[in-house]
PDB file of N, CA and C in Angstrom:
ATOM      1  N   MET A   1       3.516  14.210  -5.358  1.00  0.00           N
ATOM      2  CA  MET A   1       2.359  14.062  -6.205  1.00  0.00           C
ATOM      3  C   MET A   1       1.336  13.177  -5.503  1.00  0.00           C
ATOM      4  N   HIS A   2       0.141  13.631  -5.435  1.00  0.00           N
ATOM      5  CA  HIS A   2      -0.937  12.876  -4.809  1.00  0.00           C
ATOM      6  C   HIS A   2      -1.450  11.831  -5.792  1.00  0.00           C
ATOM      7  N   ARG A   3      -1.551  10.598  -5.349  1.00  0.00           N
ATOM      8  CA  ARG A   3      -1.997   9.493  -6.201  1.00  0.00           C
ATOM      9  C   ARG A   3      -3.269   8.877  -5.647  1.00  0.00           C
ATOM     10  N   ALA A   4      -4.092   8.352  -6.544  1.00  0.00           N
ATOM     11  CA  ALA A   4      -5.287   7.612  -6.132  1.00  0.00           C
ATOM     12  C   ALA A   4      -4.868   6.205  -5.745  1.00  0.00           C
ATOM     13  N   LEU A   5      -5.531   5.645  -4.751  1.00  0.00           N
ATOM     14  CA  LEU A   5      -5.255   4.269  -4.339  1.00  0.00           C
ATOM     15  C   LEU A   5      -6.335   3.350  -4.884  1.00  0.00           C
ATOM     16  N   ARG A   6      -5.910   2.236  -5.443  1.00  0.00           N
ATOM     17  CA  ARG A   6      -6.809   1.175  -5.886  1.00  0.00           C
ATOM     18  C   ARG A   6      -6.369  -0.094  -5.185  1.00  0.00           C
ATOM     19  N   PHE A   7      -7.316  -0.904  -4.752  1.00  0.00           N
ATOM     20  CA  PHE A   7      -7.020  -2.118  -4.004  1.00  0.00           C
ATOM     21  C   PHE A   7      -7.465  -3.345  -4.790  1.00  0.00           C
ATOM     22  N   THR A   8      -6.619  -4.362  -4.826  1.00  0.00           N
ATOM     23  CA  THR A   8      -7.050  -5.626  -5.401  1.00  0.00           C
ATOM     24  C   THR A   8      -8.087  -6.236  -4.470  1.00  0.00           C
ATOM     25  N   THR A   9      -8.792  -7.241  -4.939  1.00  0.00           N
ATOM     26  CA  THR A   9      -9.785  -7.926  -4.113  1.00  0.00           C
ATOM     27  C   THR A   9      -9.130  -8.473  -2.849  1.00  0.00           C
ATOM     28  N   GLU A  10      -7.945  -9.033  -2.992  1.00  0.00           N
ATOM     29  CA  GLU A  10      -7.217  -9.588  -1.847  1.00  0.00           C
ATOM     30  C   GLU A  10      -6.879  -8.495  -0.832  1.00  0.00           C
ATOM     31  N   ALA A  11      -6.383  -7.361  -1.305  1.00  0.00           N
ATOM     32  CA  ALA A  11      -6.027  -6.265  -0.401  1.00  0.00           C
ATOM     33  C   ALA A  11      -7.263  -5.705   0.305  1.00  0.00           C
ATOM     34  N   LYS A  12      -8.380  -5.607  -0.413  1.00  0.00           N
ATOM     35  CA  LYS A  12      -9.632  -5.153   0.215  1.00  0.00           C
ATOM     36  C   LYS A  12     -10.045  -6.094   1.335  1.00  0.00           C
ATOM     37  N   SER A  13      -9.920  -7.383   1.080  1.00  0.00           N
ATOM     38  CA  SER A  13     -10.281  -8.386   2.075  1.00  0.00           C
ATOM     39  C   SER A  13      -9.368  -8.298   3.296  1.00  0.00           C
ATOM     40  N   GLN A  14      -8.090  -8.133   3.059  1.00  0.00           N
ATOM     41  CA  GLN A  14      -7.139  -8.027   4.170  1.00  0.00           C
ATOM     42  C   GLN A  14      -7.401  -6.782   5.006  1.00  0.00           C
ATOM     43  N   LEU A  15      -7.683  -5.661   4.345  1.00  0.00           N
ATOM     44  CA  LEU A  15      -7.988  -4.437   5.071  1.00  0.00           C
ATOM     45  C   LEU A  15      -9.277  -4.601   5.874  1.00  0.00           C
ATOM     46  N   ALA A  16     -10.279  -5.244   5.301  1.00  0.00           N
ATOM     47  CA  ALA A  16     -11.544  -5.482   6.009  1.00  0.00           C
ATOM     48  C   ALA A  16     -11.330  -6.337   7.250  1.00  0.00           C
ATOM     49  N   GLN A  17     -10.466  -7.332   7.161  1.00  0.00           N
ATOM     50  CA  GLN A  17     -10.174  -8.182   8.323  1.00  0.00           C
ATOM     51  C   GLN A  17      -9.529  -7.372   9.441  1.00  0.00           C
ATOM     52  N   ILE A  18      -8.628  -6.478   9.079  1.00  0.00           N
ATOM     53  CA  ILE A  18      -7.987  -5.621  10.083  1.00  0.00           C
ATOM     54  C   ILE A  18      -9.033  -4.695  10.705  1.00  0.00           C
ATOM     55  N   GLU A  19      -9.911  -4.143   9.882  1.00  0.00           N
ATOM     56  CA  GLU A  19     -10.946  -3.218  10.364  1.00  0.00           C
ATOM     57  C   GLU A  19     -11.921  -3.905  11.305  1.00  0.00           C
ATOM     58  N   GLN A  20     -12.189  -5.176  11.099  1.00  0.00           N
ATOM     59  CA  GLN A  20     -13.188  -5.889  11.892  1.00  0.00           C
ATOM     60  C   GLN A  20     -12.635  -6.502  13.175  1.00  0.00           C
ATOM     61  N   ASP A  21     -11.344  -6.496  13.343  1.00  0.00           N
ATOM     62  CA  ASP A  21     -10.733  -7.109  14.524  1.00  0.00           C
ATOM     63  C   ASP A  21     -10.420  -6.025  15.560  1.00  0.00           C
ATOM     64  N   PRO A  22     -11.185  -5.978  16.651  1.00  0.00           N
ATOM     65  CA  PRO A  22     -10.961  -4.937  17.662  1.00  0.00           C
ATOM     66  C   PRO A  22      -9.547  -4.941  18.246  1.00  0.00           C
ATOM     67  N   SER A  23      -8.902  -6.106  18.277  1.00  0.00           N
ATOM     68  CA  SER A  23      -7.553  -6.180  18.826  1.00  0.00           C
ATOM     69  C   SER A  23      -6.515  -5.534  17.897  1.00  0.00           C
ATOM     70  N   LEU A  24      -6.916  -5.212  16.658  1.00  0.00           N
ATOM     71  CA  LEU A  24      -6.004  -4.595  15.691  1.00  0.00           C
ATOM     72  C   LEU A  24      -6.313  -3.117  15.472  1.00  0.00           C
ATOM     73  N   LYS A  25      -6.971  -2.503  16.446  1.00  0.00           N
ATOM     74  CA  LYS A  25      -7.337  -1.088  16.320  1.00  0.00           C
ATOM     75  C   LYS A  25      -6.102  -0.211  16.093  1.00  0.00           C
ATOM     76  N   GLY A  26      -5.042  -0.472  16.832  1.00  0.00           N
ATOM     77  CA  GLY A  26      -3.799   0.298  16.672  1.00  0.00           C
ATOM     78  C   GLY A  26      -3.153   0.048  15.318  1.00  0.00           C
ATOM     79  N   VAL A  27      -3.184  -1.198  14.869  1.00  0.00           N
ATOM     80  CA  VAL A  27      -2.633  -1.540  13.550  1.00  0.00           C
ATOM     81  C   VAL A  27      -3.418  -0.819  12.461  1.00  0.00           C
ATOM     82  N   LEU A  28      -4.742  -0.793  12.587  1.00  0.00           N
ATOM     83  CA  LEU A  28      -5.580  -0.126  11.598  1.00  0.00           C
ATOM     84  C   LEU A  28      -5.201   1.352  11.479  1.00  0.00           C
ATOM     85  N   LYS A  29      -4.991   1.995  12.595  1.00  0.00           N
ATOM     86  CA  LYS A  29      -4.588   3.403  12.582  1.00  0.00           C
ATOM     87  C   LYS A  29      -3.253   3.559  11.848  1.00  0.00           C
ATOM     88  N   GLN A  30      -2.328   2.647  12.095  1.00  0.00           N
ATOM     89  CA  GLN A  30      -1.022   2.704  11.440  1.00  0.00           C
ATOM     90  C   GLN A  30      -1.135   2.405   9.939  1.00  0.00           C
ATOM     91  N   VAL A  31      -2.015   1.480   9.564  1.00  0.00           N
ATOM     92  CA  VAL A  31      -2.238   1.174   8.153  1.00  0.00           C
ATOM     93  C   VAL A  31      -2.788   2.405   7.439  1.00  0.00           C
ATOM     94  N   HIS A  32      -3.781   3.055   8.021  1.00  0.00           N
ATOM     95  CA  HIS A  32      -4.352   4.251   7.408  1.00  0.00           C
ATOM     96  C   HIS A  32      -3.305   5.355   7.268  1.00  0.00           C
ATOM     97  N   LYS A  33      -2.466   5.511   8.278  1.00  0.00           N
ATOM     98  CA  LYS A  33      -1.410   6.519   8.223  1.00  0.00           C
ATOM     99  C   LYS A  33      -0.435   6.199   7.092  1.00  0.00           C
ATOM    100  N   ALA A  34      -0.031   4.924   6.987  1.00  0.00           N
ATOM    101  CA  ALA A  34       0.904   4.513   5.932  1.00  0.00           C
ATOM    102  C   ALA A  34       0.289   4.695   4.547  1.00  0.00           C
ATOM    103  N   LEU A  35      -0.993   4.383   4.399  1.00  0.00           N
ATOM    104  CA  LEU A  35      -1.663   4.571   3.111  1.00  0.00           C
ATOM    105  C   LEU A  35      -1.711   6.053   2.739  1.00  0.00           C
ATOM    106  N   GLY A  36      -1.921   6.895   3.721  1.00  0.00           N
ATOM    107  CA  GLY A  36      -1.904   8.343   3.473  1.00  0.00           C
ATOM    108  C   GLY A  36      -0.536   8.815   3.011  1.00  0.00           C
ATOM    109  N   TYR A  37       0.510   8.331   3.666  1.00  0.00           N
ATOM    110  CA  TYR A  37       1.870   8.662   3.239  1.00  0.00           C
ATOM    111  C   TYR A  37       2.115   8.163   1.812  1.00  0.00           C
ATOM    112  N   LEU A  38       1.647   6.960   1.530  1.00  0.00           N
ATOM    113  CA  LEU A  38       1.840   6.364   0.213  1.00  0.00           C
ATOM    114  C   LEU A  38       1.178   7.218  -0.872  1.00  0.00           C
ATOM    115  N   GLN A  39      -0.016   7.723  -0.592  1.00  0.00           N
ATOM    116  CA  GLN A  39      -0.713   8.588  -1.552  1.00  0.00           C
ATOM    117  C   GLN A  39       0.053   9.883  -1.795  1.00  0.00           C
ATOM    118  N   ALA A  40       0.568  10.454  -0.747  1.00  0.00           N
ATOM    119  CA  ALA A  40       1.200  11.771  -0.837  1.00  0.00           C
ATOM    120  C   ALA A  40       2.650  11.711  -1.314  1.00  0.00           C
ATOM    121  N   ASN A  41       3.393  10.698  -0.868  1.00  0.00           N
ATOM    122  CA  ASN A  41       4.825  10.635  -1.165  1.00  0.00           C
ATOM    123  C   ASN A  41       5.305   9.201  -0.978  1.00  0.00           C
ATOM    124  N   THR A  42       5.451   8.475  -2.074  1.00  0.00           N
ATOM    125  CA  THR A  42       5.854   7.064  -1.987  1.00  0.00           C
ATOM    126  C   THR A  42       7.237   6.890  -1.366  1.00  0.00           C
ATOM    127  N   GLU A  43       8.002   7.962  -1.298  1.00  0.00           N
ATOM    128  CA  GLU A  43       9.350   7.894  -0.719  1.00  0.00           C
ATOM    129  C   GLU A  43       9.412   8.476   0.689  1.00  0.00           C
ATOM    130  N   HIS A  44       8.273   8.598   1.345  1.00  0.00           N
ATOM    131  CA  HIS A  44       8.275   9.113   2.714  1.00  0.00           C
ATOM    132  C   HIS A  44       9.204   8.233   3.554  1.00  0.00           C
ATOM    133  N   PRO A  45      10.078   8.833   4.352  1.00  0.00           N
ATOM    134  CA  PRO A  45      11.075   8.059   5.092  1.00  0.00           C
ATOM    135  C   PRO A  45      10.509   6.953   5.988  1.00  0.00           C
ATOM    136  N   SER A  46       9.363   7.175   6.611  1.00  0.00           N
ATOM    137  CA  SER A  46       8.844   6.158   7.531  1.00  0.00           C
ATOM    138  C   SER A  46       8.321   4.924   6.798  1.00  0.00           C
ATOM    139  N   LEU A  47       8.063   5.029   5.486  1.00  0.00           N
ATOM    140  CA  LEU A  47       7.588   3.874   4.728  1.00  0.00           C
ATOM    141  C   LEU A  47       8.707   2.899   4.385  1.00  0.00           C
ATOM    142  N   ASN A  48       9.938   3.409   4.361  1.00  0.00           N
ATOM    143  CA  ASN A  48      11.085   2.579   3.989  1.00  0.00           C
ATOM    144  C   ASN A  48      10.792   1.796   2.706  1.00  0.00           C
ATOM    145  N   THR A  49      10.227   2.481   1.723  1.00  0.00           N
ATOM    146  CA  THR A  49       9.812   1.850   0.466  1.00  0.00           C
ATOM    147  C   THR A  49      11.011   1.308  -0.293  1.00  0.00           C
ATOM    148  N   HIS A  50      10.855   0.078  -0.775  1.00  0.00           N
ATOM    149  CA  HIS A  50      11.892  -0.515  -1.622  1.00  0.00           C
ATOM    150  C   HIS A  50      11.257  -1.562  -2.538  1.00  0.00           C
ATOM    151  N   GLU A  51      11.924  -1.814  -3.648  1.00  0.00           N
ATOM    152  CA  GLU A  51      11.406  -2.795  -4.592  1.00  0.00           C
ATOM    153  C   GLU A  51      11.473  -4.186  -3.964  1.00  0.00           C
ATOM    154  N   PHE A  52      10.433  -4.950  -4.177  1.00  0.00           N
ATOM    155  CA  PHE A  52      10.366  -6.329  -3.693  1.00  0.00           C
ATOM    156  C   PHE A  52      10.641  -7.217  -4.907  1.00  0.00           C
ATOM    157  N   LEU A  53      11.900  -7.561  -5.079  1.00  0.00           N
ATOM    158  CA  LEU A  53      12.365  -8.202  -6.303  1.00  0.00           C
ATOM    159  C   LEU A  53      11.680  -9.521  -6.619  1.00  0.00           C
ATOM    160  N   SER A  54      11.350 -10.312  -5.613  1.00  0.00           N
ATOM    161  CA  SER A  54      10.763 -11.630  -5.883  1.00  0.00           C
ATOM    162  C   SER A  54       9.353 -11.536  -6.476  1.00  0.00           C
ATOM    163  N   LEU A  55       8.687 -10.388  -6.360  1.00  0.00           N
ATOM    164  CA  LEU A  55       7.352 -10.209  -6.949  1.00  0.00           C
ATOM    165  C   LEU A  55       7.366  -9.336  -8.205  1.00  0.00           C
ATOM    166  N   SER A  56       8.464  -8.639  -8.452  1.00  0.00           N
ATOM    167  CA  SER A  56       8.549  -7.770  -9.623  1.00  0.00           C
ATOM    168  C   SER A  56       8.656  -8.599 -10.898  1.00  0.00           C
ATOM    169  N   THR A  57       8.132  -8.042 -11.991  1.00  0.00           N
ATOM    170  CA  THR A  57       8.166  -8.711 -13.299  1.00  0.00           C
ATOM    171  C   THR A  57       8.694  -7.735 -14.340  1.00  0.00           C
ATOM    172  N   LYS A  58       8.782  -8.192 -15.571  1.00  0.00           N
ATOM    173  CA  LYS A  58       9.182  -7.295 -16.661  1.00  0.00           C
ATOM    174  C   LYS A  58       8.133  -6.214 -16.884  1.00  0.00           C
ATOM    175  N   GLU A  59       6.858  -6.534 -16.628  1.00  0.00           N
ATOM    176  CA  GLU A  59       5.769  -5.593 -16.861  1.00  0.00           C
ATOM    177  C   GLU A  59       5.719  -4.476 -15.817  1.00  0.00           C
ATOM    178  N   PHE A  60       5.973  -4.819 -14.558  1.00  0.00           N
ATOM    179  CA  PHE A  60       5.930  -3.795 -13.519  1.00  0.00           C
ATOM    180  C   PHE A  60       6.723  -4.224 -12.294  1.00  0.00           C
ATOM    181  N   LYS A  61       7.175  -3.204 -11.568  1.00  0.00           N
ATOM    182  CA  LYS A  61       7.898  -3.436 -10.321  1.00  0.00           C
ATOM    183  C   LYS A  61       6.905  -3.441  -9.166  1.00  0.00           C
ATOM    184  N   VAL A  62       7.135  -4.316  -8.208  1.00  0.00           N
ATOM    185  CA  VAL A  62       6.328  -4.363  -6.993  1.00  0.00           C
ATOM    186  C   VAL A  62       7.183  -3.817  -5.855  1.00  0.00           C
ATOM    187  N   PHE A  63       6.565  -2.992  -5.013  1.00  0.00           N
ATOM    188  CA  PHE A  63       7.270  -2.365  -3.912  1.00  0.00           C
ATOM    189  C   PHE A  63       6.673  -2.794  -2.578  1.00  0.00           C
ATOM    190  N   GLU A  64       7.506  -2.722  -1.551  1.00  0.00           N
ATOM    191  CA  GLU A  64       7.087  -3.002  -0.183  1.00  0.00           C
ATOM    192  C   GLU A  64       7.223  -1.708   0.609  1.00  0.00           C
ATOM    193  N   ALA A  65       6.208  -1.381   1.389  1.00  0.00           N
ATOM    194  CA  ALA A  65       6.253  -0.224   2.273  1.00  0.00           C
ATOM    195  C   ALA A  65       5.942  -0.699   3.688  1.00  0.00           C
ATOM    196  N   TYR A  66       6.638  -0.134   4.650  1.00  0.00           N
ATOM    197  CA  TYR A  66       6.452  -0.523   6.045  1.00  0.00           C
ATOM    198  C   TYR A  66       5.253   0.192   6.651  1.00  0.00           C
ATOM    199  N   VAL A  67       4.412  -0.563   7.337  1.00  0.00           N
ATOM    200  CA  VAL A  67       3.376   0.013   8.188  1.00  0.00           C
ATOM    201  C   VAL A  67       3.968   0.166   9.579  1.00  0.00           C
ATOM    202  N   GLN A  68       4.729  -0.844   9.980  1.00  0.00           N
ATOM    203  CA  GLN A  68       5.391  -0.860  11.283  1.00  0.00           C
ATOM    204  C   GLN A  68       6.845  -1.264  11.068  1.00  0.00           C
ATOM    205  N   ASN A  69       7.679  -0.906  12.022  1.00  0.00           N
ATOM    206  CA  ASN A  69       9.083  -1.281  11.959  1.00  0.00           C
ATOM    207  C   ASN A  69       9.523  -1.734  13.351  1.00  0.00           C
ATOM    208  N   ASN A  70      10.453  -2.656  13.393  1.00  0.00           N
ATOM    209  CA  ASN A  70      10.977  -3.167  14.666  1.00  0.00           C
ATOM    210  C   ASN A  70       9.864  -3.676  15.581  1.00  0.00           C
ATOM    211  N   THR A  71       8.901  -4.356  14.986  1.00  0.00           N
ATOM    212  CA  THR A  71       7.774  -4.927  15.713  1.00  0.00           C
ATOM    213  C   THR A  71       7.610  -6.368  15.270  1.00  0.00           C
ATOM    214  N   PRO A  72       7.513  -7.321  16.203  1.00  0.00           N
ATOM    215  CA  PRO A  72       7.264  -8.703  15.774  1.00  0.00           C
ATOM    216  C   PRO A  72       5.965  -8.788  14.970  1.00  0.00           C
ATOM    217  N   GLY A  73       6.019  -9.440  13.818  1.00  0.00           N
ATOM    218  CA  GLY A  73       4.836  -9.552  12.978  1.00  0.00           C
ATOM    219  C   GLY A  73       4.410  -8.231  12.371  1.00  0.00           C
ATOM    220  N   ALA A  74       5.376  -7.340  12.124  1.00  0.00           N
ATOM    221  CA  ALA A  74       5.075  -6.014  11.585  1.00  0.00           C
ATOM    222  C   ALA A  74       4.322  -6.108  10.268  1.00  0.00           C
ATOM    223  N   TYR A  75       3.393  -5.190  10.061  1.00  0.00           N
ATOM    224  CA  TYR A  75       2.597  -5.170   8.840  1.00  0.00           C
ATOM    225  C   TYR A  75       3.331  -4.455   7.713  1.00  0.00           C
ATOM    226  N   ARG A  76       3.072  -4.939   6.493  1.00  0.00           N
ATOM    227  CA  ARG A  76       3.670  -4.381   5.287  1.00  0.00           C
ATOM    228  C   ARG A  76       2.583  -4.177   4.234  1.00  0.00           C
ATOM    229  N   ILE A  77       2.822  -3.227   3.340  1.00  0.00           N
ATOM    230  CA  ILE A  77       1.934  -2.983   2.206  1.00  0.00           C
ATOM    231  C   ILE A  77       2.727  -3.273   0.938  1.00  0.00           C
ATOM    232  N   PHE A  78       2.164  -4.113   0.073  1.00  0.00           N
ATOM    233  CA  PHE A  78       2.784  -4.409  -1.213  1.00  0.00           C
ATOM    234  C   PHE A  78       1.973  -3.712  -2.293  1.00  0.00           C
ATOM    235  N   TRP A  79       2.654  -2.988  -3.176  1.00  0.00           N
ATOM    236  CA  TRP A  79       1.976  -2.134  -4.133  1.00  0.00           C
ATOM    237  C   TRP A  79       2.801  -1.955  -5.397  1.00  0.00           C
ATOM    238  N   ARG A  80       2.158  -1.351  -6.413  1.00  0.00           N
ATOM    239  CA  ARG A  80       2.848  -0.987  -7.652  1.00  0.00           C
ATOM    240  C   ARG A  80       2.259   0.300  -8.199  1.00  0.00           C
ATOM    241  N   TYR A  81       2.998   0.940  -9.078  1.00  0.00           N
ATOM    242  CA  TYR A  81       2.496   2.119  -9.767  1.00  0.00           C
ATOM    243  C   TYR A  81       1.543   1.681 -10.873  1.00  0.00           C
ATOM    244  N   GLY A  82       0.412   2.412 -11.018  1.00  0.00           N
ATOM    245  CA  GLY A  82      -0.497   2.207 -12.132  1.00  0.00           C
ATOM    246  C   GLY A  82      -1.455   1.056 -11.920  1.00  0.00           C
ATOM    247  N   PRO A  83      -2.274   0.767 -12.899  1.00  0.00           N
ATOM    248  CA  PRO A  83      -2.361   1.537 -14.140  1.00  0.00           C
ATOM    249  C   PRO A  83      -3.094   2.863 -13.910  1.00  0.00           C
ATOM    250  N   ASP A  84      -2.537   3.917 -14.488  1.00  0.00           N
ATOM    251  CA  ASP A  84      -3.155   5.233 -14.333  1.00  0.00           C
ATOM    252  C   ASP A  84      -4.505   5.263 -15.024  1.00  0.00           C
ATOM    253  N   GLU A  85      -5.336   6.206 -14.613  1.00  0.00           N
ATOM    254  CA  GLU A  85      -6.679   6.340 -15.165  1.00  0.00           C
ATOM    255  C   GLU A  85      -6.820   7.696 -15.833  1.00  0.00           C
ATOM    256  N   THR A  86      -7.883   7.844 -16.592  1.00  0.00           N
ATOM    257  CA  THR A  86      -8.177   9.117 -17.241  1.00  0.00           C
ATOM    258  C   THR A  86      -9.460   9.673 -16.648  1.00  0.00           C
ATOM    259  N   GLY A  87      -9.394  10.905 -16.173  1.00  0.00           N
ATOM    260  CA  GLY A  87     -10.554  11.531 -15.553  1.00  0.00           C
ATOM    261  C   GLY A  87     -11.239  12.489 -16.497  1.00  0.00           C
ATOM    262  N   ALA A  88     -11.968  13.406 -15.903  1.00  0.00           N
ATOM    263  CA  ALA A  88     -12.680  14.424 -16.678  1.00  0.00           C
ATOM    264  C   ALA A  88     -11.687  15.229 -17.512  1.00  0.00           C
ATOM    265  N   LYS A  89     -12.111  15.633 -18.677  1.00  0.00           N
ATOM    266  CA  LYS A  89     -11.285  16.428 -19.594  1.00  0.00           C
ATOM    267  C   LYS A  89      -9.983  15.713 -19.953  1.00  0.00           C
ATOM    268  N   LYS A  90     -10.035  14.378 -19.935  1.00  0.00           N
ATOM    269  CA  LYS A  90      -8.892  13.533 -20.323  1.00  0.00           C
ATOM    270  C   LYS A  90      -7.649  13.783 -19.470  1.00  0.00           C
ATOM    271  N   LYS A  91      -7.868  14.206 -18.224  1.00  0.00           N
ATOM    272  CA  LYS A  91      -6.755  14.448 -17.316  1.00  0.00           C
ATOM    273  C   LYS A  91      -6.287  13.116 -16.730  1.00  0.00           C
ATOM    274  N   ARG A  92      -4.982  12.897 -16.750  1.00  0.00           N
ATOM    275  CA  ARG A  92      -4.406  11.663 -16.212  1.00  0.00           C
ATOM    276  C   ARG A  92      -4.487  11.659 -14.690  1.00  0.00           C
ATOM    277  N   ILE A  93      -4.945  10.542 -14.136  1.00  0.00           N
ATOM    278  CA  ILE A  93      -5.010  10.357 -12.693  1.00  0.00           C
ATOM    279  C   ILE A  93      -3.976   9.288 -12.329  1.00  0.00           C
ATOM    280  N   PRO A  94      -2.880   9.675 -11.648  1.00  0.00           N
ATOM    281  CA  PRO A  94      -1.884   8.682 -11.263  1.00  0.00           C
ATOM    282  C   PRO A  94      -2.440   7.753 -10.182  1.00  0.00           C
ATOM    283  N   VAL A  95      -2.174   6.465 -10.320  1.00  0.00           N
ATOM    284  CA  VAL A  95      -2.749   5.454  -9.439  1.00  0.00           C
ATOM    285  C   VAL A  95      -1.660   4.583  -8.837  1.00  0.00           C
ATOM    286  N   ILE A  96      -1.887   4.180  -7.603  1.00  0.00           N
ATOM    287  CA  ILE A  96      -1.102   3.134  -6.945  1.00  0.00           C
ATOM    288  C   ILE A  96      -2.057   1.978  -6.696  1.00  0.00           C
ATOM    289  N   THR A  97      -1.666   0.797  -7.115  1.00  0.00           N
ATOM    290  CA  THR A  97      -2.460  -0.403  -6.879  1.00  0.00           C
ATOM    291  C   THR A  97      -1.872  -1.153  -5.703  1.00  0.00           C
ATOM    292  N   VAL A  98      -2.670  -1.341  -4.665  1.00  0.00           N
ATOM    293  CA  VAL A  98      -2.247  -2.073  -3.464  1.00  0.00           C
ATOM    294  C   VAL A  98      -2.623  -3.540  -3.658  1.00  0.00           C
ATOM    295  N   PHE A  99      -1.606  -4.413  -3.566  1.00  0.00           N
ATOM    296  CA  PHE A  99      -1.806  -5.852  -3.726  1.00  0.00           C
ATOM    297  C   PHE A  99      -2.121  -6.554  -2.414  1.00  0.00           C
ATOM    298  N   ALA A 100      -1.441  -6.115  -1.364  1.00  0.00           N
ATOM    299  CA  ALA A 100      -1.577  -6.850  -0.097  1.00  0.00           C
ATOM    300  C   ALA A 100      -1.225  -5.948   1.071  1.00  0.00           C
ATOM    301  N   ILE A 101      -1.886  -6.225   2.210  1.00  0.00           N
ATOM    302  CA  ILE A 101      -1.582  -5.593   3.497  1.00  0.00           C
ATOM    303  C   ILE A 101      -1.475  -6.758   4.475  1.00  0.00           C
ATOM    304  N   VAL A 102      -0.242  -7.138   4.771  1.00  0.00           N
ATOM    305  CA  VAL A 102      -0.018  -8.379   5.502  1.00  0.00           C
ATOM    306  C   VAL A 102       1.018  -8.238   6.602  1.00  0.00           C
ATOM    307  N   GLU A 103       0.988  -9.215   7.507  1.00  0.00           N
ATOM    308  CA  GLU A 103       2.015  -9.301   8.533  1.00  0.00           C
ATOM    309  C   GLU A 103       3.301  -9.811   7.913  1.00  0.00           C
ATOM    310  N   HIS A 104       4.411  -9.209   8.308  1.00  0.00           N
ATOM    311  CA  HIS A 104       5.722  -9.643   7.838  1.00  0.00           C
ATOM    312  C   HIS A 104       6.086 -10.929   8.574  1.00  0.00           C
ATOM    313  N   SER A 105       6.522 -11.906   7.805  1.00  0.00           N
ATOM    314  CA  SER A 105       6.905 -13.179   8.459  1.00  0.00           C
ATOM    315  C   SER A 105       8.381 -13.429   8.407  1.00  0.00           C
TER     316      SER A 105
END
């Protein structure tokens, strides 16, 4: 199922920093690829998606998806399902909210 991506202010800022840093050109390409996978299939094998328990709450689960693997300082995307939106003709639009795009420490 194809989902719309929504970014928190923090995630937008983090993505902008990656976009503006010429030394992160390769990372940016990998981030865009991972975001595309996330939109199309949250369980895509290369994302290694799993719940991030320390950020999950009773209201919603937070997930971690890999941008990179087996790389020092590998980037990760933290996200959750929803809140979904309503489009034209009251059609439900499934949404993924991206909280953060950060280096794994």
